[in-house]
Protein backbone atom coordinates (compact mmCIF):
# COMPACT_ATOMS: atom_id res chain seq x y z
CA MET A 1 5.76 15.68 3.17
CA SER A 2 5.63 15.91 6.93
CA ALA A 3 8.55 16.93 9.08
CA GLU A 4 8.43 13.53 10.77
CA THR A 5 8.99 11.76 7.46
CA THR A 6 12.00 13.87 6.61
CA ASP A 7 13.39 13.63 10.18
CA ARG A 8 13.56 9.83 10.14
CA PHE A 9 13.95 9.12 6.41
CA ASN A 10 15.76 11.38 3.98
CA SER A 11 14.40 9.60 0.94
CA PHE A 12 12.02 6.89 -0.20
CA ALA A 13 15.08 4.66 -0.75
CA GLU A 14 15.79 4.92 3.00
CA PHE A 15 12.13 4.32 3.87
CA TYR A 16 11.50 1.25 1.68
CA PRO A 17 13.51 -1.29 3.75
CA TYR A 18 11.55 -0.14 6.83
CA TYR A 19 8.33 -0.50 4.82
CA LEU A 20 9.21 -4.08 3.82
CA GLN A 21 10.03 -4.92 7.44
CA GLU A 22 6.56 -3.71 8.42
CA HIS A 23 5.12 -6.13 5.82
CA SER A 24 6.96 -9.33 6.74
CA ASN A 25 3.77 -11.38 7.16
CA ASP A 26 2.82 -13.13 3.90
CA VAL A 27 -0.93 -12.70 4.44
CA CYS A 28 -0.54 -8.99 5.17
CA ARG A 29 1.46 -8.50 1.96
CA ARG A 30 -1.04 -10.49 -0.08
CA LEU A 31 -3.91 -8.42 1.28
CA HIS A 32 -2.01 -5.32 0.16
CA TYR A 33 -1.68 -6.83 -3.31
CA VAL A 34 -5.42 -7.60 -3.45
CA GLY A 35 -6.25 -4.05 -2.39
CA SER A 36 -3.86 -2.50 -4.90
CA LEU A 37 -5.14 -4.63 -7.76
CA LEU A 38 -8.71 -3.82 -6.76
CA VAL A 39 -7.84 -0.11 -6.83
CA LEU A 40 -6.51 -0.49 -10.37
CA SER A 41 -9.63 -2.41 -11.41
CA ILE A 42 -12.01 0.15 -9.94
CA LEU A 43 -10.05 2.98 -11.53
CA ALA A 44 -10.14 1.29 -14.94
CA TYR A 45 -13.86 0.57 -14.59
CA ALA A 46 -14.62 4.19 -13.64
CA VAL A 47 -12.62 5.52 -16.59
CA VAL A 48 -14.09 3.10 -19.15
CA THR A 49 -17.69 3.52 -18.00
CA GLN A 50 -17.32 7.17 -16.93
CA GLN A 51 -19.10 6.29 -13.69
CA TRP A 52 -17.00 8.59 -11.55
CA LEU A 53 -18.73 7.79 -8.27
CA TRP A 54 -16.77 4.52 -8.24
CA LEU A 55 -13.68 6.62 -7.49
CA LEU A 56 -15.06 7.10 -3.99
CA ALA A 57 -14.42 3.38 -3.40
CA LEU A 58 -10.68 3.66 -4.06
CA PRO A 59 -9.59 4.48 -0.49
CA LEU A 60 -11.87 1.82 0.97
CA ALA A 61 -10.55 -0.85 -1.40
CA GLY A 62 -6.91 0.10 -1.02
CA TYR A 63 -6.73 0.83 2.67
CA GLY A 64 -9.40 -1.65 3.79
CA PHE A 65 -7.47 -4.74 2.72
CA ALA A 66 -4.15 -3.31 3.87
CA TRP A 67 -5.39 -2.36 7.33
CA VAL A 68 -6.96 -5.77 7.91
CA GLY A 69 -3.57 -7.22 7.05
CA HIS A 70 -1.82 -5.00 9.58
CA PHE A 71 -4.25 -5.20 12.47
CA VAL A 72 -5.16 -8.90 12.16
CA PHE A 73 -2.08 -10.61 10.71
CA GLU A 74 0.95 -8.34 11.03
CA LYS A 75 -0.19 -7.01 14.44
CA ASN A 76 1.25 -3.53 13.85
CA LYS A 77 0.05 -0.07 12.87
CA PRO A 78 0.06 0.73 9.16
CA ALA A 79 2.95 2.95 8.07
CA THR A 80 0.28 5.15 6.44
CA PHE A 81 -0.42 6.73 9.82
CA LYS A 82 3.09 8.16 10.15
CA TYR A 83 4.35 8.24 6.57
CA PRO A 84 1.36 8.62 4.23
CA LEU A 85 3.18 9.57 1.02
CA TYR A 86 6.05 7.12 1.39
CA SER A 87 3.62 4.39 2.43
CA LEU A 88 1.48 4.92 -0.67
CA MET A 89 4.60 4.78 -2.81
CA GLY A 90 5.69 1.66 -0.95
CA ASP A 91 2.43 -0.13 -1.79
CA TRP A 92 3.05 0.23 -5.51
CA VAL A 93 6.77 -0.55 -5.37
CA MET A 94 6.07 -3.64 -3.25
CA LEU A 95 3.48 -4.82 -5.79
CA LYS A 96 5.94 -4.26 -8.63
CA ASP A 97 8.65 -6.09 -6.69
CA ALA A 98 6.31 -9.05 -6.12
CA PHE A 99 5.45 -9.27 -9.81
CA THR A 100 9.10 -9.05 -10.85
CA GLY A 101 10.19 -11.66 -8.28
CA ARG A 102 12.29 -9.30 -6.18
CA ILE A 103 10.24 -10.17 -3.09
CA ARG A 104 8.09 -13.16 -2.20
CA PHE A 105 4.53 -12.96 -3.49
């Protein structure tokens, strides 16, 4: 964890409200969901078929959709650039929160 992450946020619980604020645009959030679900699909495919080269597509699938959402729709920089670990955690918690109805899908 970088010093910058710990300087501004003492925990993921402190970071997550900021993360949600940075994902207030519905299209941006939905692109994150598509990317995350695609990551899970590629991972499952690679494991089932043992075609491990597919794992190289994981960052492109996950970050590609998310970054389009930020640059085109949200008009901000992805939190990944400053808070990579917390941002990655935020992607999965946000997806879980969407599926459980805690936040708007």
